[in-house]
Amino acid sequence: MSYYRYHVFFCTNLRPDGAACCQRFNAQALRDHAKQRCKELGLSGAGKVRINTAGCLDRCAEGPVLVVYPEAVWYSYIDKEDIDEIIDEHLLNGRIVERLKI
């Protein structure tokens, strides 16, 4: 069994040349929101959920992006409501959020 039930990686890469990247869409702030919300819901820690920052995940044109393991489900999101939906549906209830899946 994995150390975490779910391991979530948020791309927070910022490209200095002005090219498309996740950080231009507030990726770090939304990752911070996810981490805080998971703590508030008691989802953080061993056997539960880990929210991590990742460098470039090389899906810039679809950004901002995050990926949830072990299922390797990729999501694109816009705002806190999208992040909350991913947490509520996927991380709490094991249901993939099809409308955000890429």
C-alpha atoms as a PDB file:
ATOM      1  CA  MET A   1       0.000   0.000   0.000  1.00  0.00           C
ATOM      2  CA  SER A   2       1.140   3.528  -0.771  1.00  0.00           C
ATOM      3  CA  TYR A   3       2.156   5.867   2.050  1.00  0.00           C
ATOM      4  CA  TYR A   4      -0.603   8.275   0.956  1.00  0.00           C
ATOM      5  CA  ARG A   5      -4.056   7.391  -0.308  1.00  0.00           C
ATOM      6  CA  TYR A   6      -3.761  10.268  -2.772  1.00  0.00           C
ATOM      7  CA  HIS A   7      -0.705  12.252  -3.803  1.00  0.00           C
ATOM      8  CA  VAL A   8      -1.576  15.491  -5.607  1.00  0.00           C
ATOM      9  CA  PHE A   9       1.015  17.395  -7.627  1.00  0.00           C
ATOM     10  CA  PHE A  10       0.326  21.002  -8.646  1.00  0.00           C
ATOM     11  CA  CYS A  11       2.460  22.452 -11.418  1.00  0.00           C
ATOM     12  CA  THR A  12       3.567  25.885 -10.211  1.00  0.00           C
ATOM     13  CA  ASN A  13       6.178  26.514 -12.881  1.00  0.00           C
ATOM     14  CA  LEU A  14       6.804  30.086 -14.019  1.00  0.00           C
ATOM     15  CA  ARG A  15       8.440  30.512 -17.418  1.00  0.00           C
ATOM     16  CA  PRO A  16      10.595  33.647 -17.415  1.00  0.00           C
ATOM     17  CA  ASP A  17      10.195  34.196 -21.166  1.00  0.00           C
ATOM     18  CA  GLY A  18       6.463  34.940 -20.852  1.00  0.00           C
ATOM     19  CA  ALA A  19       5.404  31.638 -22.431  1.00  0.00           C
ATOM     20  CA  ALA A  20       2.300  29.793 -21.241  1.00  0.00           C
ATOM     21  CA  CYS A  21       2.739  28.297 -17.790  1.00  0.00           C
ATOM     22  CA  CYS A  22       0.660  27.309 -14.792  1.00  0.00           C
ATOM     23  CA  GLN A  23       1.911  30.021 -12.451  1.00  0.00           C
ATOM     24  CA  ARG A  24       0.415  32.694 -14.738  1.00  0.00           C
ATOM     25  CA  PHE A  25      -2.973  31.286 -13.617  1.00  0.00           C
ATOM     26  CA  ASN A  26      -2.357  31.580  -9.851  1.00  0.00           C
ATOM     27  CA  ALA A  27      -1.252  27.967  -9.486  1.00  0.00           C
ATOM     28  CA  GLN A  28       0.694  28.559  -6.254  1.00  0.00           C
ATOM     29  CA  ALA A  29      -2.208  30.307  -4.519  1.00  0.00           C
ATOM     30  CA  LEU A  30      -4.621  27.581  -5.570  1.00  0.00           C
ATOM     31  CA  ARG A  31      -2.205  24.876  -4.439  1.00  0.00           C
ATOM     32  CA  ASP A  32      -1.967  26.657  -1.069  1.00  0.00           C
ATOM     33  CA  HIS A  33      -5.775  26.725  -0.902  1.00  0.00           C
ATOM     34  CA  ALA A  34      -5.921  22.967  -1.579  1.00  0.00           C
ATOM     35  CA  LYS A  35      -3.337  22.244   1.104  1.00  0.00           C
ATOM     36  CA  GLN A  36      -5.179  24.360   3.683  1.00  0.00           C
ATOM     37  CA  ARG A  37      -8.583  22.905   2.824  1.00  0.00           C
ATOM     38  CA  CYS A  38      -7.268  19.345   3.094  1.00  0.00           C
ATOM     39  CA  LYS A  39      -5.864  20.188   6.541  1.00  0.00           C
ATOM     40  CA  GLU A  40      -9.195  21.693   7.608  1.00  0.00           C
ATOM     41  CA  LEU A  41     -11.038  18.563   6.457  1.00  0.00           C
ATOM     42  CA  GLY A  42      -8.610  16.258   8.285  1.00  0.00           C
ATOM     43  CA  LEU A  43      -7.388  14.759   5.010  1.00  0.00           C
ATOM     44  CA  SER A  44      -3.673  15.490   5.445  1.00  0.00           C
ATOM     45  CA  GLY A  45      -1.078  13.022   6.638  1.00  0.00           C
ATOM     46  CA  ALA A  46       0.032   9.434   6.351  1.00  0.00           C
ATOM     47  CA  GLY A  47      -2.581   7.195   4.782  1.00  0.00           C
ATOM     48  CA  LYS A  48      -4.528  10.219   3.589  1.00  0.00           C
ATOM     49  CA  VAL A  49      -3.717  13.056   1.159  1.00  0.00           C
ATOM     50  CA  ARG A  50      -0.471  14.836   0.344  1.00  0.00           C
ATOM     51  CA  ILE A  51      -0.550  18.105  -1.629  1.00  0.00           C
ATOM     52  CA  ASN A  52       2.776  18.856  -3.329  1.00  0.00           C
ATOM     53  CA  THR A  53       4.311  21.540  -5.480  1.00  0.00           C
ATOM     54  CA  ALA A  54       5.793  20.328  -8.737  1.00  0.00           C
ATOM     55  CA  GLY A  55       7.965  21.973 -11.302  1.00  0.00           C
ATOM     56  CA  CYS A  56       6.893  21.912 -14.917  1.00  0.00           C
ATOM     57  CA  LEU A  57       4.652  18.939 -15.694  1.00  0.00           C
ATOM     58  CA  ASP A  58       4.932  19.719 -19.424  1.00  0.00           C
ATOM     59  CA  ARG A  59       1.231  20.277 -20.108  1.00  0.00           C
ATOM     60  CA  CYS A  60       1.485  24.064 -20.291  1.00  0.00           C
ATOM     61  CA  ALA A  61      -1.094  24.508 -23.037  1.00  0.00           C
ATOM     62  CA  GLU A  62      -3.705  22.815 -20.814  1.00  0.00           C
ATOM     63  CA  GLY A  63      -2.791  24.691 -17.662  1.00  0.00           C
ATOM     64  CA  PRO A  64      -3.042  25.227 -14.931  1.00  0.00           C
ATOM     65  CA  VAL A  65      -2.748  21.528 -14.209  1.00  0.00           C
ATOM     66  CA  LEU A  66      -2.533  19.093 -11.334  1.00  0.00           C
ATOM     67  CA  VAL A  67      -2.289  15.323 -11.272  1.00  0.00           C
ATOM     68  CA  VAL A  68      -3.700  12.928  -8.668  1.00  0.00           C
ATOM     69  CA  TYR A  69      -1.916   9.643  -7.987  1.00  0.00           C
ATOM     70  CA  PRO A  70      -2.194   6.677  -7.755  1.00  0.00           C
ATOM     71  CA  GLU A  71      -4.807   6.926 -10.532  1.00  0.00           C
ATOM     72  CA  ALA A  72      -2.739   9.392 -12.593  1.00  0.00           C
ATOM     73  CA  VAL A  73      -5.799  11.564 -13.229  1.00  0.00           C
ATOM     74  CA  TRP A  74      -4.918  14.944 -14.740  1.00  0.00           C
ATOM     75  CA  TYR A  75      -7.056  18.013 -14.094  1.00  0.00           C
ATOM     76  CA  SER A  76      -7.142  21.569 -15.306  1.00  0.00           C
ATOM     77  CA  TYR A  77      -8.809  24.140 -13.055  1.00  0.00           C
ATOM     78  CA  ILE A  78      -9.665  27.827 -12.946  1.00  0.00           C
ATOM     79  CA  ASP A  79     -10.513  28.836  -9.394  1.00  0.00           C
ATOM     80  CA  LYS A  80     -11.049  27.769  -5.781  1.00  0.00           C
ATOM     81  CA  GLU A  81     -14.437  26.300  -6.659  1.00  0.00           C
ATOM     82  CA  ASP A  82     -12.777  23.887  -9.100  1.00  0.00           C
ATOM     83  CA  ILE A  83     -10.183  22.918  -6.489  1.00  0.00           C
ATOM     84  CA  ASP A  84     -12.917  22.391  -3.890  1.00  0.00           C
ATOM     85  CA  GLU A  85     -14.818  20.178  -6.325  1.00  0.00           C
ATOM     86  CA  ILE A  86     -11.717  18.039  -6.920  1.00  0.00           C
ATOM     87  CA  ILE A  87     -11.211  17.727  -3.162  1.00  0.00           C
ATOM     88  CA  ASP A  88     -14.879  16.971  -2.426  1.00  0.00           C
ATOM     89  CA  GLU A  89     -15.434  14.540  -5.262  1.00  0.00           C
ATOM     90  CA  HIS A  90     -12.090  12.855  -5.950  1.00  0.00           C
ATOM     91  CA  LEU A  91     -10.168  13.067  -2.678  1.00  0.00           C
ATOM     92  CA  LEU A  92     -13.124  12.612  -0.317  1.00  0.00           C
ATOM     93  CA  ASN A  93     -15.391  10.345  -2.354  1.00  0.00           C
ATOM     94  CA  GLY A  94     -13.156   8.685  -4.959  1.00  0.00           C
ATOM     95  CA  ARG A  95     -15.138  10.072  -7.911  1.00  0.00           C
ATOM     96  CA  ILE A  96     -13.250  11.562 -10.855  1.00  0.00           C
ATOM     97  CA  VAL A  97     -14.426  15.051 -11.821  1.00  0.00           C
ATOM     98  CA  GLU A  98     -14.983  14.440 -15.508  1.00  0.00           C
ATOM     99  CA  ARG A  99     -15.614  18.095 -16.425  1.00  0.00           C
ATOM    100  CA  LEU A 100     -12.134  19.085 -15.204  1.00  0.00           C
ATOM    101  CA  LYS A 101     -10.247  16.006 -16.409  1.00  0.00           C
ATOM    102  CA  ILE A 102      -7.735  16.426 -19.232  1.00  0.00           C
END
